[in-house]
Amino acid sequence: MNGENGLGILIPSCDNYSDAWAPFFHLFFRHWPEPDYPIYLVSNQQDFAQRGIRNIRVGPDVDWSANLISALDRIPESHLLIILEDYFLTEPADLPAIDELFRHQCRSDVGYLRLYPCPGPREITGNVAGYGIGVIDRGVPYRTSLQAAIWKKSLLRNLLRAGESAWDFESEGTRRSNEMEEVFASVAGDLEGRLPLKYLCTAIISKYWTKEAVALCSRHSIPIDFGKRRMEPWYRRMNRSPFYQTVHQRIRKAKEFTRYFRNTSR
């Protein structure tokens, strides 16, 4: 279903991340060879020349939200599956499920349907195409998460504010969403860990290629351009490792306990 009442796939990007486009689309078309939906790539001045991709150049980089607002005005579809340029697909997309989830979204008038449950719904209230599905309640953090999701375009446009980065949008957009009547929902995966879209989240962190992204591209013989950014240093990888996070959290709690003990002992 294309056109004004249909679905498009939108990758909101900018020229600063143009080095991610080639590996992103290589893996995208490997795992989703012939999408039935138009694919839009948002950029500033650069195009990505590949069959099936419609480039939307928004001009000089302003900010993430302003760029996206400009792009939305040029897209006719009523709904958009949004996936960021550094989310590299790792498994075949579940195409029948995505089609059925989109039809369910239209039938149920859901404004936002997250396809990658990070975070997922607190409670599963239904099943669509074999996937549990539930409402994302008001007040839940990251209600407007930019994980892969199908958005009603009008809802997205109403939530966006020029001047906000993608990270600002996830926090401030969540706050604004709490005042809206639109339904926000998410899939919850299945018992085998399947998802409609499975991808590496994320290939770029703090302007570095992640080790996981480099390894993924190496397995598929996909070249990576290290001219714009280098691989994440070992000490940065260590800082985001589960072990380091656990140690850091325990140290923080120990310091809080020490401060509390000192204050109560005075």
C-alpha atoms as a PDB file:
ATOM      1  CA  MET A   1       0.000   0.000   0.000  1.00  0.00           C
ATOM      2  CA  ASN A   2       1.796   3.092  -1.289  1.00  0.00           C
ATOM      3  CA  GLY A   3       0.788   6.684  -1.866  1.00  0.00           C
ATOM      4  CA  GLU A   4      -1.032   9.016   0.491  1.00  0.00           C
ATOM      5  CA  ASN A   5      -2.501   6.206   2.586  1.00  0.00           C
ATOM      6  CA  GLY A   6       0.506   3.942   2.380  1.00  0.00           C
ATOM      7  CA  LEU A   7       3.812   3.178   4.033  1.00  0.00           C
ATOM      8  CA  GLY A   8       7.284   4.443   3.184  1.00  0.00           C
ATOM      9  CA  ILE A   9      10.687   3.579   4.642  1.00  0.00           C
ATOM     10  CA  LEU A  10      12.608   6.624   5.861  1.00  0.00           C
ATOM     11  CA  ILE A  11      16.272   6.839   6.872  1.00  0.00           C
ATOM     12  CA  PRO A  12      16.805  10.275   8.450  1.00  0.00           C
ATOM     13  CA  SER A  13      20.500  11.025   8.053  1.00  0.00           C
ATOM     14  CA  CYS A  14      22.906  13.837   7.215  1.00  0.00           C
ATOM     15  CA  ASP A  15      26.100  14.223   5.218  1.00  0.00           C
ATOM     16  CA  ASN A  16      28.222  13.795   8.358  1.00  0.00           C
ATOM     17  CA  TYR A  17      27.092  10.174   8.436  1.00  0.00           C
ATOM     18  CA  SER A  18      27.393   9.496   4.708  1.00  0.00           C
ATOM     19  CA  ASP A  19      30.114   6.921   5.427  1.00  0.00           C
ATOM     20  CA  ALA A  20      27.422   4.745   7.041  1.00  0.00           C
ATOM     21  CA  TRP A  21      25.180   4.675   3.964  1.00  0.00           C
ATOM     22  CA  ALA A  22      27.063   2.073   1.912  1.00  0.00           C
ATOM     23  CA  PRO A  23      27.287  -0.576   4.677  1.00  0.00           C
ATOM     24  CA  PHE A  24      23.756   0.239   5.856  1.00  0.00           C
ATOM     25  CA  PHE A  25      22.169  -0.285   2.444  1.00  0.00           C
ATOM     26  CA  HIS A  26      24.366  -3.281   1.637  1.00  0.00           C
ATOM     27  CA  LEU A  27      23.010  -5.068   4.709  1.00  0.00           C
ATOM     28  CA  PHE A  28      19.525  -3.640   4.286  1.00  0.00           C
ATOM     29  CA  PHE A  29      19.097  -5.052   0.785  1.00  0.00           C
ATOM     30  CA  ARG A  30      20.787  -8.313   1.768  1.00  0.00           C
ATOM     31  CA  HIS A  31      18.103  -8.876   4.401  1.00  0.00           C
ATOM     32  CA  TRP A  32      15.231  -7.047   2.659  1.00  0.00           C
ATOM     33  CA  PRO A  33      15.967  -7.576  -1.061  1.00  0.00           C
ATOM     34  CA  GLU A  34      12.882  -6.092  -2.722  1.00  0.00           C
ATOM     35  CA  PRO A  35      10.881  -3.805  -0.436  1.00  0.00           C
ATOM     36  CA  ASP A  36       7.327  -3.139  -1.545  1.00  0.00           C
ATOM     37  CA  TYR A  37       7.595   0.344  -0.064  1.00  0.00           C
ATOM     38  CA  PRO A  38       9.453   3.428  -1.322  1.00  0.00           C
ATOM     39  CA  ILE A  39      12.745   4.135   0.460  1.00  0.00           C
ATOM     40  CA  TYR A  40      13.717   7.702   1.330  1.00  0.00           C
ATOM     41  CA  LEU A  41      17.171   8.832   2.475  1.00  0.00           C
ATOM     42  CA  VAL A  42      17.440  12.266   4.082  1.00  0.00           C
ATOM     43  CA  SER A  43      20.720  14.099   3.530  1.00  0.00           C
ATOM     44  CA  ASN A  44      22.026  17.651   3.254  1.00  0.00           C
ATOM     45  CA  GLN A  45      23.736  18.031  -0.130  1.00  0.00           C
ATOM     46  CA  GLN A  46      24.932  14.521  -0.971  1.00  0.00           C
ATOM     47  CA  ASP A  47      23.059  11.781  -2.833  1.00  0.00           C
ATOM     48  CA  PHE A  48      23.476   8.040  -2.487  1.00  0.00           C
ATOM     49  CA  ALA A  49      23.287   6.613  -5.979  1.00  0.00           C
ATOM     50  CA  GLN A  50      21.593   3.228  -5.775  1.00  0.00           C
ATOM     51  CA  ARG A  51      18.519   1.923  -7.514  1.00  0.00           C
ATOM     52  CA  GLY A  52      15.401   2.097  -5.390  1.00  0.00           C
ATOM     53  CA  ILE A  53      16.567   4.911  -3.108  1.00  0.00           C
ATOM     54  CA  ARG A  54      14.893   8.315  -3.279  1.00  0.00           C
ATOM     55  CA  ASN A  55      17.224  11.022  -2.005  1.00  0.00           C
ATOM     56  CA  ILE A  56      15.757  13.979  -0.134  1.00  0.00           C
ATOM     57  CA  ARG A  57      18.280  16.787   0.148  1.00  0.00           C
ATOM     58  CA  VAL A  58      17.260  19.339   2.770  1.00  0.00           C
ATOM     59  CA  GLY A  59      20.186  21.726   2.326  1.00  0.00           C
ATOM     60  CA  PRO A  60      22.691  22.947   4.926  1.00  0.00           C
ATOM     61  CA  ASP A  61      22.596  21.024   8.194  1.00  0.00           C
ATOM     62  CA  VAL A  62      20.481  22.832  10.786  1.00  0.00           C
ATOM     63  CA  ASP A  63      19.674  20.163  13.354  1.00  0.00           C
ATOM     64  CA  TRP A  64      18.215  16.659  13.326  1.00  0.00           C
ATOM     65  CA  SER A  65      14.624  17.708  13.920  1.00  0.00           C
ATOM     66  CA  ALA A  66      14.630  20.655  11.513  1.00  0.00           C
ATOM     67  CA  ASN A  67      16.087  18.450   8.784  1.00  0.00           C
ATOM     68  CA  LEU A  68      13.404  15.826   9.367  1.00  0.00           C
ATOM     69  CA  ILE A  69      10.584  18.381   9.386  1.00  0.00           C
ATOM     70  CA  SER A  70      11.756  19.623   5.990  1.00  0.00           C
ATOM     71  CA  ALA A  71      11.901  16.069   4.627  1.00  0.00           C
ATOM     72  CA  LEU A  72       8.447  15.058   5.874  1.00  0.00           C
ATOM     73  CA  ASP A  73       6.836  17.803   3.802  1.00  0.00           C
ATOM     74  CA  ARG A  74       8.136  16.075   0.643  1.00  0.00           C
ATOM     75  CA  ILE A  75       6.880  12.569   1.395  1.00  0.00           C
ATOM     76  CA  PRO A  76       3.331  11.618   0.330  1.00  0.00           C
ATOM     77  CA  GLU A  77       2.897   8.445   2.429  1.00  0.00           C
ATOM     78  CA  SER A  78       0.749   8.648   5.559  1.00  0.00           C
ATOM     79  CA  HIS A  79       2.974   6.283   7.560  1.00  0.00           C
ATOM     80  CA  LEU A  80       6.743   5.870   7.748  1.00  0.00           C
ATOM     81  CA  LEU A  81       8.926   3.037   8.953  1.00  0.00           C
ATOM     82  CA  ILE A  82      11.856   4.962  10.386  1.00  0.00           C
ATOM     83  CA  ILE A  83      15.233   3.312  10.884  1.00  0.00           C
ATOM     84  CA  LEU A  84      18.465   5.173  11.592  1.00  0.00           C
ATOM     85  CA  GLU A  85      21.478   4.913   9.306  1.00  0.00           C
ATOM     86  CA  ASP A  86      23.646   3.148  11.873  1.00  0.00           C
ATOM     87  CA  TYR A  87      21.168   0.349  12.584  1.00  0.00           C
ATOM     88  CA  PHE A  88      22.676  -2.442  10.458  1.00  0.00           C
ATOM     89  CA  LEU A  89      20.312  -5.338   9.740  1.00  0.00           C
ATOM     90  CA  THR A  90      21.652  -8.711  10.910  1.00  0.00           C
ATOM     91  CA  GLU A  91      18.858 -11.114   9.896  1.00  0.00           C
ATOM     92  CA  PRO A  92      16.215 -11.326   7.161  1.00  0.00           C
ATOM     93  CA  ALA A  93      13.309  -8.969   7.751  1.00  0.00           C
ATOM     94  CA  ASP A  94      10.021 -10.704   8.557  1.00  0.00           C
ATOM     95  CA  LEU A  95       8.181  -9.163   5.617  1.00  0.00           C
ATOM     96  CA  PRO A  96       4.748 -10.817   6.074  1.00  0.00           C
ATOM     97  CA  ALA A  97       4.790  -9.738   9.713  1.00  0.00           C
ATOM     98  CA  ILE A  98       5.724  -6.135   8.879  1.00  0.00           C
ATOM     99  CA  ASP A  99       2.880  -6.004   6.340  1.00  0.00           C
ATOM    100  CA  GLU A 100       0.401  -7.409   8.868  1.00  0.00           C
ATOM    101  CA  LEU A 101       1.639  -5.142  11.663  1.00  0.00           C
ATOM    102  CA  PHE A 102       1.161  -2.133   9.414  1.00  0.00           C
ATOM    103  CA  ARG A 103      -2.386  -3.243   8.536  1.00  0.00           C
ATOM    104  CA  HIS A 104      -3.102  -3.754  12.250  1.00  0.00           C
ATOM    105  CA  GLN A 105      -1.754  -0.292  12.988  1.00  0.00           C
ATOM    106  CA  CYS A 106      -4.076   1.278  10.407  1.00  0.00           C
ATOM    107  CA  ARG A 107      -7.096  -0.741  11.556  1.00  0.00           C
ATOM    108  CA  SER A 108      -6.491   0.115  15.214  1.00  0.00           C
ATOM    109  CA  ASP A 109      -5.461   3.725  14.571  1.00  0.00           C
ATOM    110  CA  VAL A 110      -2.154   3.301  16.406  1.00  0.00           C
ATOM    111  CA  GLY A 111       0.068   6.336  16.019  1.00  0.00           C
ATOM    112  CA  TYR A 112       3.411   4.685  16.764  1.00  0.00           C
ATOM    113  CA  LEU A 113       4.304   0.999  16.528  1.00  0.00           C
ATOM    114  CA  ARG A 114       7.807   0.031  17.648  1.00  0.00           C
ATOM    115  CA  LEU A 115       9.230  -2.978  15.810  1.00  0.00           C
ATOM    116  CA  TYR A 116      12.305  -3.345  18.018  1.00  0.00           C
ATOM    117  CA  PRO A 117      11.277  -3.581  21.698  1.00  0.00           C
ATOM    118  CA  CYS A 118      13.933  -1.451  23.342  1.00  0.00           C
ATOM    119  CA  PRO A 119      12.113  -0.898  25.582  1.00  0.00           C
ATOM    120  CA  GLY A 120       9.068  -3.057  24.936  1.00  0.00           C
ATOM    121  CA  PRO A 121       5.558  -2.889  26.387  1.00  0.00           C
ATOM    122  CA  ARG A 122       5.018  -3.547  30.071  1.00  0.00           C
ATOM    123  CA  GLU A 123       2.110  -5.847  29.283  1.00  0.00           C
ATOM    124  CA  ILE A 124       1.283  -7.927  26.218  1.00  0.00           C
ATOM    125  CA  THR A 125      -2.357  -7.423  25.310  1.00  0.00           C
ATOM    126  CA  GLY A 126      -2.527  -9.016  21.870  1.00  0.00           C
ATOM    127  CA  ASN A 127      -0.786 -10.982  19.151  1.00  0.00           C
ATOM    128  CA  VAL A 128      -0.174  -9.870  15.576  1.00  0.00           C
ATOM    129  CA  ALA A 129       1.587 -12.101  13.028  1.00  0.00           C
ATOM    130  CA  GLY A 130       3.011 -14.235  15.836  1.00  0.00           C
ATOM    131  CA  TYR A 131       4.404 -11.322  17.857  1.00  0.00           C
ATOM    132  CA  GLY A 132       3.146 -10.142  21.201  1.00  0.00           C
ATOM    133  CA  ILE A 133       2.068  -6.528  21.183  1.00  0.00           C
ATOM    134  CA  GLY A 134       1.142  -4.051  23.879  1.00  0.00           C
ATOM    135  CA  VAL A 135       0.559  -0.376  24.614  1.00  0.00           C
ATOM    136  CA  ILE A 136       3.423   1.882  25.728  1.00  0.00           C
ATOM    137  CA  ASP A 137       1.895   3.733  28.667  1.00  0.00           C
ATOM    138  CA  ARG A 138       2.138   7.452  29.296  1.00  0.00           C
ATOM    139  CA  GLY A 139       5.018   8.342  31.578  1.00  0.00           C
ATOM    140  CA  VAL A 140       7.230   5.505  30.385  1.00  0.00           C
ATOM    141  CA  PRO A 141      10.793   6.619  29.534  1.00  0.00           C
ATOM    142  CA  TYR A 142      11.683   6.652  25.835  1.00  0.00           C
ATOM    143  CA  ARG A 143       8.073   6.461  24.731  1.00  0.00           C
ATOM    144  CA  THR A 144       9.202   8.133  21.497  1.00  0.00           C
ATOM    145  CA  SER A 145      12.310   5.985  21.134  1.00  0.00           C
ATOM    146  CA  LEU A 146      13.993   6.124  17.737  1.00  0.00           C
ATOM    147  CA  GLN A 147      14.368   2.383  17.532  1.00  0.00           C
ATOM    148  CA  ALA A 148      12.836   1.076  14.304  1.00  0.00           C
ATOM    149  CA  ALA A 149       9.138   1.907  14.343  1.00  0.00           C
ATOM    150  CA  ILE A 150       6.205   2.666  12.080  1.00  0.00           C
ATOM    151  CA  TRP A 151       5.036   6.220  12.661  1.00  0.00           C
ATOM    152  CA  LYS A 152       1.876   7.949  11.604  1.00  0.00           C
ATOM    153  CA  LYS A 153       3.471  10.874   9.785  1.00  0.00           C
ATOM    154  CA  SER A 154       1.087  13.450  11.222  1.00  0.00           C
ATOM    155  CA  LEU A 155       1.928  12.326  14.775  1.00  0.00           C
ATOM    156  CA  LEU A 156       5.657  12.523  14.124  1.00  0.00           C
ATOM    157  CA  ARG A 157       5.292  15.996  12.630  1.00  0.00           C
ATOM    158  CA  ASN A 158       3.325  17.199  15.662  1.00  0.00           C
ATOM    159  CA  LEU A 159       5.988  15.889  18.037  1.00  0.00           C
ATOM    160  CA  LEU A 160       8.999  17.374  16.264  1.00  0.00           C
ATOM    161  CA  ARG A 161      10.469  20.724  17.303  1.00  0.00           C
ATOM    162  CA  ALA A 162      13.178  22.486  15.336  1.00  0.00           C
ATOM    163  CA  GLY A 163      16.332  22.896  17.382  1.00  0.00           C
ATOM    164  CA  GLU A 164      16.305  19.409  18.890  1.00  0.00           C
ATOM    165  CA  SER A 165      18.818  16.650  18.297  1.00  0.00           C
ATOM    166  CA  ALA A 166      17.730  13.019  17.950  1.00  0.00           C
ATOM    167  CA  TRP A 167      18.552  12.501  21.631  1.00  0.00           C
ATOM    168  CA  ASP A 168      16.572  15.626  22.597  1.00  0.00           C
ATOM    169  CA  PHE A 169      13.639  14.318  20.605  1.00  0.00           C
ATOM    170  CA  GLU A 170      13.613  11.004  22.459  1.00  0.00           C
ATOM    171  CA  SER A 171      13.425  12.759  25.833  1.00  0.00           C
ATOM    172  CA  GLU A 172      11.413  15.884  25.035  1.00  0.00           C
ATOM    173  CA  GLY A 173       9.253  14.096  22.476  1.00  0.00           C
ATOM    174  CA  THR A 174       8.387  11.541  25.149  1.00  0.00           C
ATOM    175  CA  ARG A 175       7.269  14.343  27.459  1.00  0.00           C
ATOM    176  CA  ARG A 176       5.121  15.882  24.727  1.00  0.00           C
ATOM    177  CA  SER A 177       3.649  12.493  23.804  1.00  0.00           C
ATOM    178  CA  ASN A 178       2.193  12.169  27.284  1.00  0.00           C
ATOM    179  CA  GLU A 179      -0.171  15.025  26.464  1.00  0.00           C
ATOM    180  CA  MET A 180      -1.454  13.412  23.269  1.00  0.00           C
ATOM    181  CA  GLU A 181      -4.345  11.044  22.685  1.00  0.00           C
ATOM    182  CA  GLU A 182      -2.481   8.949  20.106  1.00  0.00           C
ATOM    183  CA  VAL A 183      -1.796   5.299  20.953  1.00  0.00           C
ATOM    184  CA  PHE A 184       1.842   4.220  21.265  1.00  0.00           C
ATOM    185  CA  ALA A 185       2.533   0.493  21.035  1.00  0.00           C
ATOM    186  CA  SER A 186       5.391  -1.965  20.641  1.00  0.00           C
ATOM    187  CA  VAL A 187       5.978  -5.549  19.672  1.00  0.00           C
ATOM    188  CA  ALA A 188       7.506  -7.791  22.317  1.00  0.00           C
ATOM    189  CA  GLY A 189       9.211 -10.391  20.156  1.00  0.00           C
ATOM    190  CA  ASP A 190       8.394 -14.070  20.450  1.00  0.00           C
ATOM    191  CA  LEU A 191       9.567 -16.974  22.608  1.00  0.00           C
ATOM    192  CA  GLU A 192      12.419 -17.738  20.197  1.00  0.00           C
ATOM    193  CA  GLY A 193      13.734 -14.175  20.260  1.00  0.00           C
ATOM    194  CA  ARG A 194      12.556 -13.357  16.730  1.00  0.00           C
ATOM    195  CA  LEU A 195      11.720  -9.781  15.783  1.00  0.00           C
ATOM    196  CA  PRO A 196      10.209  -8.225  12.654  1.00  0.00           C
ATOM    197  CA  LEU A 197      13.498  -6.351  12.190  1.00  0.00           C
ATOM    198  CA  LYS A 198      16.725  -7.442  13.847  1.00  0.00           C
ATOM    199  CA  TYR A 199      19.713  -5.157  13.661  1.00  0.00           C
ATOM    200  CA  LEU A 200      22.921  -4.080  15.310  1.00  0.00           C
ATOM    201  CA  CYS A 201      22.178  -1.191  17.615  1.00  0.00           C
ATOM    202  CA  THR A 202      24.319   0.681  17.033  1.00  0.00           C
ATOM    203  CA  ALA A 203      27.150   0.846  14.451  1.00  0.00           C
ATOM    204  CA  ILE A 204      28.392   4.300  15.497  1.00  0.00           C
ATOM    205  CA  ILE A 205      28.847   5.577  19.051  1.00  0.00           C
ATOM    206  CA  SER A 206      30.245   9.019  19.869  1.00  0.00           C
ATOM    207  CA  LYS A 207      31.528   9.382  16.293  1.00  0.00           C
ATOM    208  CA  TYR A 208      33.405   6.067  16.370  1.00  0.00           C
ATOM    209  CA  TRP A 209      32.712   2.826  14.521  1.00  0.00           C
ATOM    210  CA  THR A 210      31.854   0.168  17.067  1.00  0.00           C
ATOM    211  CA  LYS A 211      33.864  -3.044  17.130  1.00  0.00           C
ATOM    212  CA  GLU A 212      30.629  -4.955  16.541  1.00  0.00           C
ATOM    213  CA  ALA A 213      29.908  -2.998  13.346  1.00  0.00           C
ATOM    214  CA  VAL A 214      33.408  -3.552  12.000  1.00  0.00           C
ATOM    215  CA  ALA A 215      33.155  -7.284  12.728  1.00  0.00           C
ATOM    216  CA  LEU A 216      29.711  -7.519  11.104  1.00  0.00           C
ATOM    217  CA  CYS A 217      30.887  -5.793   7.933  1.00  0.00           C
ATOM    218  CA  SER A 218      34.034  -7.927   7.847  1.00  0.00           C
ATOM    219  CA  ARG A 219      31.942 -11.116   7.919  1.00  0.00           C
ATOM    220  CA  HIS A 220      30.058  -9.899   4.849  1.00  0.00           C
ATOM    221  CA  SER A 221      33.154  -8.468   3.092  1.00  0.00           C
ATOM    222  CA  ILE A 222      31.711  -4.957   3.283  1.00  0.00           C
ATOM    223  CA  PRO A 223      34.378  -2.237   3.228  1.00  0.00           C
ATOM    224  CA  ILE A 224      34.230   0.447   5.911  1.00  0.00           C
ATOM    225  CA  ASP A 225      35.484   3.962   5.331  1.00  0.00           C
ATOM    226  CA  PHE A 226      37.836   4.836   8.191  1.00  0.00           C
ATOM    227  CA  GLY A 227      38.665   8.203   6.652  1.00  0.00           C
ATOM    228  CA  LYS A 228      35.864  10.030   8.473  1.00  0.00           C
ATOM    229  CA  ARG A 229      35.898   8.077  11.738  1.00  0.00           C
ATOM    230  CA  ARG A 230      38.053   5.390  13.304  1.00  0.00           C
ATOM    231  CA  MET A 231      37.115   2.337  15.310  1.00  0.00           C
ATOM    232  CA  GLU A 232      36.107   2.880  18.907  1.00  0.00           C
ATOM    233  CA  PRO A 233      39.183   2.746  21.180  1.00  0.00           C
ATOM    234  CA  TRP A 234      39.444  -0.170  23.588  1.00  0.00           C
ATOM    235  CA  TYR A 235      38.947   2.017  26.668  1.00  0.00           C
ATOM    236  CA  ARG A 236      35.654   3.366  25.314  1.00  0.00           C
ATOM    237  CA  ARG A 237      34.444  -0.175  24.599  1.00  0.00           C
ATOM    238  CA  MET A 238      35.394  -1.129  28.147  1.00  0.00           C
ATOM    239  CA  ASN A 239      33.356   1.761  29.541  1.00  0.00           C
ATOM    240  CA  ARG A 240      30.167   0.407  27.959  1.00  0.00           C
ATOM    241  CA  SER A 241      30.794  -3.274  28.742  1.00  0.00           C
ATOM    242  CA  PRO A 242      28.285  -4.981  31.117  1.00  0.00           C
ATOM    243  CA  PHE A 243      31.119  -5.787  33.543  1.00  0.00           C
ATOM    244  CA  TYR A 244      32.279  -2.171  33.711  1.00  0.00           C
ATOM    245  CA  GLN A 245      28.714  -0.901  34.087  1.00  0.00           C
ATOM    246  CA  THR A 246      28.100  -3.331  36.976  1.00  0.00           C
ATOM    247  CA  VAL A 247      31.336  -2.307  38.742  1.00  0.00           C
ATOM    248  CA  HIS A 248      30.602   1.381  38.149  1.00  0.00           C
ATOM    249  CA  GLN A 249      27.088   0.995  39.552  1.00  0.00           C
ATOM    250  CA  ARG A 250      28.370  -0.771  42.696  1.00  0.00           C
ATOM    251  CA  ILE A 251      31.010   1.893  43.252  1.00  0.00           C
ATOM    252  CA  ARG A 252      28.385   4.597  42.892  1.00  0.00           C
ATOM    253  CA  LYS A 253      26.093   2.847  45.391  1.00  0.00           C
ATOM    254  CA  ALA A 254      28.997   2.414  47.835  1.00  0.00           C
ATOM    255  CA  LYS A 255      29.755   6.139  47.624  1.00  0.00           C
ATOM    256  CA  GLU A 256      26.089   6.988  48.194  1.00  0.00           C
ATOM    257  CA  PHE A 257      25.990   4.704  51.236  1.00  0.00           C
ATOM    258  CA  THR A 258      29.194   6.275  52.606  1.00  0.00           C
ATOM    259  CA  ARG A 259      27.762   9.781  52.228  1.00  0.00           C
ATOM    260  CA  TYR A 260      24.518   8.702  53.871  1.00  0.00           C
ATOM    261  CA  PHE A 261      26.391   7.047  56.771  1.00  0.00           C
ATOM    262  CA  ARG A 262      28.543  10.135  57.326  1.00  0.00           C
ATOM    263  CA  ASN A 263      25.526  12.455  57.290  1.00  0.00           C
ATOM    264  CA  THR A 264      23.576  10.326  59.769  1.00  0.00           C
ATOM    265  CA  SER A 265      26.579  10.003  62.077  1.00  0.00           C
ATOM    266  CA  ARG A 266      26.950  13.766  62.579  1.00  0.00           C
END
